[in-house]
């Protein structure tokens, strides 16, 4: 039960963070418009009129304004209209291990051979399995 609750909470947070709530509201507004128009005209014409540009209901206008405000939102202390990079506090550092051959128990010649330097040609003919 606890795991399910945490997954549902994570899904809700993700949907709200991406602005999906406006998609749901917009879908309901389109449904309401189609039902309203279908009462006085054929269904195909109602759908066409619903999705015609410039034919927006009050809910559609509210959703468009909310999406515009969300896309224009900036972080505090940031110049408006231009998003800055968010600095990462815990950045990964590159690690270079110079003594890899010694740790693996390999000589430098074997390591160079593994890297493709001075690699010999394969034996001809290739070995065959026992039949």
C-alpha atoms as a PDB file:
ATOM      1  CA  UNK A   1       0.000   0.000   0.000  1.00  0.00           C
ATOM      2  CA  UNK A   2       2.825   2.372   0.864  1.00  0.00           C
ATOM      3  CA  UNK A   3       4.622   1.687  -2.406  1.00  0.00           C
ATOM      4  CA  UNK A   4       1.447   2.283  -4.395  1.00  0.00           C
ATOM      5  CA  UNK A   5       0.845   5.570  -2.601  1.00  0.00           C
ATOM      6  CA  UNK A   6       4.394   6.723  -3.310  1.00  0.00           C
ATOM      7  CA  UNK A   7       4.062   5.824  -6.997  1.00  0.00           C
ATOM      8  CA  UNK A   8       0.753   7.678  -7.310  1.00  0.00           C
ATOM      9  CA  UNK A   9       2.261  10.705  -5.538  1.00  0.00           C
ATOM     10  CA  UNK A  10       5.263  10.656  -7.865  1.00  0.00           C
ATOM     11  CA  UNK A  11       3.025  10.414 -10.933  1.00  0.00           C
ATOM     12  CA  UNK A  12       0.870  13.324  -9.747  1.00  0.00           C
ATOM     13  CA  UNK A  13       3.934  15.466  -9.019  1.00  0.00           C
ATOM     14  CA  UNK A  14       5.385  14.690 -12.454  1.00  0.00           C
ATOM     15  CA  UNK A  15       2.123  15.530 -14.225  1.00  0.00           C
ATOM     16  CA  UNK A  16       1.762  18.820 -12.351  1.00  0.00           C
ATOM     17  CA  UNK A  17       5.416  19.742 -12.969  1.00  0.00           C
ATOM     18  CA  UNK A  18       5.019  19.239 -16.718  1.00  0.00           C
ATOM     19  CA  UNK A  19       1.757  21.211 -16.912  1.00  0.00           C
ATOM     20  CA  UNK A  20      -0.433  18.251 -17.831  1.00  0.00           C
ATOM     21  CA  UNK A  21      -3.281  19.583 -15.706  1.00  0.00           C
ATOM     22  CA  UNK A  22      -3.945  22.119 -18.468  1.00  0.00           C
ATOM     23  CA  UNK A  23      -4.204  19.303 -21.021  1.00  0.00           C
ATOM     24  CA  UNK A  24      -6.896  17.646 -18.911  1.00  0.00           C
ATOM     25  CA  UNK A  25      -8.825  20.906 -18.500  1.00  0.00           C
ATOM     26  CA  UNK A  26      -8.525  21.621 -22.247  1.00  0.00           C
ATOM     27  CA  UNK A  27      -9.832  18.130 -23.082  1.00  0.00           C
ATOM     28  CA  UNK A  28     -12.904  18.650 -20.903  1.00  0.00           C
ATOM     29  CA  UNK A  29     -13.490  22.072 -22.498  1.00  0.00           C
ATOM     30  CA  UNK A  30     -13.379  20.557 -25.994  1.00  0.00           C
ATOM     31  CA  UNK A  31     -15.791  17.828 -24.898  1.00  0.00           C
ATOM     32  CA  UNK A  32     -18.199  20.423 -23.518  1.00  0.00           C
ATOM     33  CA  UNK A  33     -17.962  22.466 -26.727  1.00  0.00           C
ATOM     34  CA  UNK A  34     -18.649  19.412 -28.917  1.00  0.00           C
ATOM     35  CA  UNK A  35     -21.698  18.454 -26.840  1.00  0.00           C
ATOM     36  CA  UNK A  36     -23.027  22.023 -26.924  1.00  0.00           C
ATOM     37  CA  UNK A  37     -22.557  22.406 -30.681  1.00  0.00           C
ATOM     38  CA  UNK A  38     -23.903  18.902 -31.430  1.00  0.00           C
ATOM     39  CA  UNK A  39     -27.283  19.886 -29.994  1.00  0.00           C
ATOM     40  CA  UNK A  40     -27.873  22.293 -32.883  1.00  0.00           C
ATOM     41  CA  UNK A  41     -25.802  20.829 -35.756  1.00  0.00           C
ATOM     42  CA  UNK A  42     -24.459  17.491 -37.035  1.00  0.00           C
ATOM     43  CA  UNK A  43     -21.599  15.906 -35.052  1.00  0.00           C
ATOM     44  CA  UNK A  44     -19.011  16.344 -37.833  1.00  0.00           C
ATOM     45  CA  UNK A  45     -19.763  20.071 -38.034  1.00  0.00           C
ATOM     46  CA  UNK A  46     -19.655  20.348 -34.233  1.00  0.00           C
ATOM     47  CA  UNK A  47     -16.195  18.768 -34.108  1.00  0.00           C
ATOM     48  CA  UNK A  48     -14.967  20.952 -36.977  1.00  0.00           C
ATOM     49  CA  UNK A  49     -16.282  24.111 -35.279  1.00  0.00           C
ATOM     50  CA  UNK A  50     -14.752  23.101 -31.930  1.00  0.00           C
ATOM     51  CA  UNK A  51     -11.252  22.833 -33.374  1.00  0.00           C
ATOM     52  CA  UNK A  52     -11.486  25.876 -35.645  1.00  0.00           C
ATOM     53  CA  UNK A  53      -8.859  28.487 -34.822  1.00  0.00           C
ATOM     54  CA  UNK A  54     -10.284  31.597 -33.210  1.00  0.00           C
ATOM     55  CA  UNK A  55     -13.395  29.809 -31.907  1.00  0.00           C
ATOM     56  CA  UNK A  56     -12.417  29.511 -28.263  1.00  0.00           C
ATOM     57  CA  UNK A  57     -14.663  29.254 -25.241  1.00  0.00           C
ATOM     58  CA  UNK A  58     -13.920  30.917 -21.903  1.00  0.00           C
ATOM     59  CA  UNK A  59     -12.182  27.806 -20.553  1.00  0.00           C
ATOM     60  CA  UNK A  60      -9.949  27.613 -23.635  1.00  0.00           C
ATOM     61  CA  UNK A  61      -8.864  31.220 -23.110  1.00  0.00           C
ATOM     62  CA  UNK A  62      -8.101  30.576 -19.438  1.00  0.00           C
ATOM     63  CA  UNK A  63      -6.018  27.509 -20.354  1.00  0.00           C
ATOM     64  CA  UNK A  64      -4.080  29.472 -22.990  1.00  0.00           C
ATOM     65  CA  UNK A  65      -3.353  32.269 -20.503  1.00  0.00           C
ATOM     66  CA  UNK A  66      -2.248  29.782 -17.842  1.00  0.00           C
ATOM     67  CA  UNK A  67       0.069  27.992 -20.272  1.00  0.00           C
ATOM     68  CA  UNK A  68       1.534  31.324 -21.367  1.00  0.00           C
ATOM     69  CA  UNK A  69       2.162  32.346 -17.762  1.00  0.00           C
ATOM     70  CA  UNK A  70       3.750  28.974 -17.029  1.00  0.00           C
ATOM     71  CA  UNK A  71       6.094  29.218 -20.016  1.00  0.00           C
ATOM     72  CA  UNK A  72       7.016  32.823 -19.134  1.00  0.00           C
ATOM     73  CA  UNK A  73       7.665  32.009 -15.478  1.00  0.00           C
ATOM     74  CA  UNK A  74      11.240  32.599 -14.389  1.00  0.00           C
ATOM     75  CA  UNK A  75      13.214  31.661 -11.347  1.00  0.00           C
ATOM     76  CA  UNK A  76      13.587  34.270  -8.569  1.00  0.00           C
ATOM     77  CA  UNK A  77      16.530  36.618  -9.095  1.00  0.00           C
ATOM     78  CA  UNK A  78      16.763  35.723 -12.760  1.00  0.00           C
ATOM     79  CA  UNK A  79      16.445  38.210 -15.620  1.00  0.00           C
ATOM     80  CA  UNK A  80      12.986  37.908 -17.154  1.00  0.00           C
ATOM     81  CA  UNK A  81      12.670  36.204 -20.512  1.00  0.00           C
ATOM     82  CA  UNK A  82      15.998  34.435 -20.334  1.00  0.00           C
ATOM     83  CA  UNK A  83      16.539  31.210 -18.412  1.00  0.00           C
ATOM     84  CA  UNK A  84      19.936  30.698 -16.884  1.00  0.00           C
ATOM     85  CA  UNK A  85      21.668  27.413 -16.188  1.00  0.00           C
ATOM     86  CA  UNK A  86      20.957  25.816 -12.851  1.00  0.00           C
ATOM     87  CA  UNK A  87      24.277  25.013 -11.178  1.00  0.00           C
ATOM     88  CA  UNK A  88      24.649  21.433 -10.012  1.00  0.00           C
ATOM     89  CA  UNK A  89      25.994  21.090  -6.506  1.00  0.00           C
ATOM     90  CA  UNK A  90      27.139  17.488  -6.747  1.00  0.00           C
ATOM     91  CA  UNK A  91      28.879  17.212 -10.083  1.00  0.00           C
ATOM     92  CA  UNK A  92      30.681  14.013 -10.946  1.00  0.00           C
ATOM     93  CA  UNK A  93      34.441  14.324 -11.060  1.00  0.00           C
ATOM     94  CA  UNK A  94      36.577  12.400 -13.480  1.00  0.00           C
ATOM     95  CA  UNK A  95      38.793   9.771 -11.907  1.00  0.00           C
ATOM     96  CA  UNK A  96      41.977   8.644 -13.570  1.00  0.00           C
ATOM     97  CA  UNK A  97      43.666   5.496 -12.315  1.00  0.00           C
ATOM     98  CA  UNK A  98      47.250   5.392 -13.500  1.00  0.00           C
ATOM     99  CA  UNK A  99      48.059   2.031 -11.962  1.00  0.00           C
ATOM    100  CA  UNK A 100      45.330  -0.013 -13.691  1.00  0.00           C
ATOM    101  CA  UNK A 101      47.744  -2.629 -15.080  1.00  0.00           C
ATOM    102  CA  UNK A 102      49.215  -3.227 -11.637  1.00  0.00           C
ATOM    103  CA  UNK A 103      45.788  -3.494 -10.023  1.00  0.00           C
ATOM    104  CA  UNK A 104      44.618  -5.962 -12.642  1.00  0.00           C
ATOM    105  CA  UNK A 105      47.878  -7.898 -12.512  1.00  0.00           C
ATOM    106  CA  UNK A 106      48.686  -7.119 -16.140  1.00  0.00           C
ATOM    107  CA  UNK A 107      51.937  -5.993 -17.641  1.00  0.00           C
ATOM    108  CA  UNK A 108      51.976  -2.767 -19.696  1.00  0.00           C
ATOM    109  CA  UNK A 109      52.523  -4.840 -22.873  1.00  0.00           C
ATOM    110  CA  UNK A 110      49.305  -6.783 -22.290  1.00  0.00           C
ATOM    111  CA  UNK A 111      47.423  -3.560 -21.622  1.00  0.00           C
ATOM    112  CA  UNK A 112      48.678  -2.019 -24.870  1.00  0.00           C
ATOM    113  CA  UNK A 113      47.735  -5.191 -26.712  1.00  0.00           C
ATOM    114  CA  UNK A 114      44.220  -5.005 -25.227  1.00  0.00           C
ATOM    115  CA  UNK A 115      43.913  -1.404 -26.435  1.00  0.00           C
ATOM    116  CA  UNK A 116      44.716  -2.416 -29.994  1.00  0.00           C
ATOM    117  CA  UNK A 117      48.274  -1.114 -30.131  1.00  0.00           C
ATOM    118  CA  UNK A 118      50.648  -3.514 -31.902  1.00  0.00           C
ATOM    119  CA  UNK A 119      48.012  -6.209 -32.115  1.00  0.00           C
ATOM    120  CA  UNK A 120      49.059  -9.312 -33.996  1.00  0.00           C
ATOM    121  CA  UNK A 121      46.946 -10.853 -36.780  1.00  0.00           C
ATOM    122  CA  UNK A 122      44.691 -13.748 -35.780  1.00  0.00           C
ATOM    123  CA  UNK A 123      46.010 -17.271 -36.421  1.00  0.00           C
ATOM    124  CA  UNK A 124      45.088 -18.776 -39.782  1.00  0.00           C
ATOM    125  CA  UNK A 125      43.109 -21.069 -40.093  1.00  0.00           C
ATOM    126  CA  UNK A 126      40.859 -20.400 -37.119  1.00  0.00           C
ATOM    127  CA  UNK A 127      40.660 -23.156 -34.545  1.00  0.00           C
ATOM    128  CA  UNK A 128      37.787 -25.621 -34.947  1.00  0.00           C
ATOM    129  CA  UNK A 129      35.799 -27.337 -32.277  1.00  0.00           C
ATOM    130  CA  UNK A 130      36.013 -31.075 -31.711  1.00  0.00           C
ATOM    131  CA  UNK A 131      33.401 -33.046 -33.588  1.00  0.00           C
END
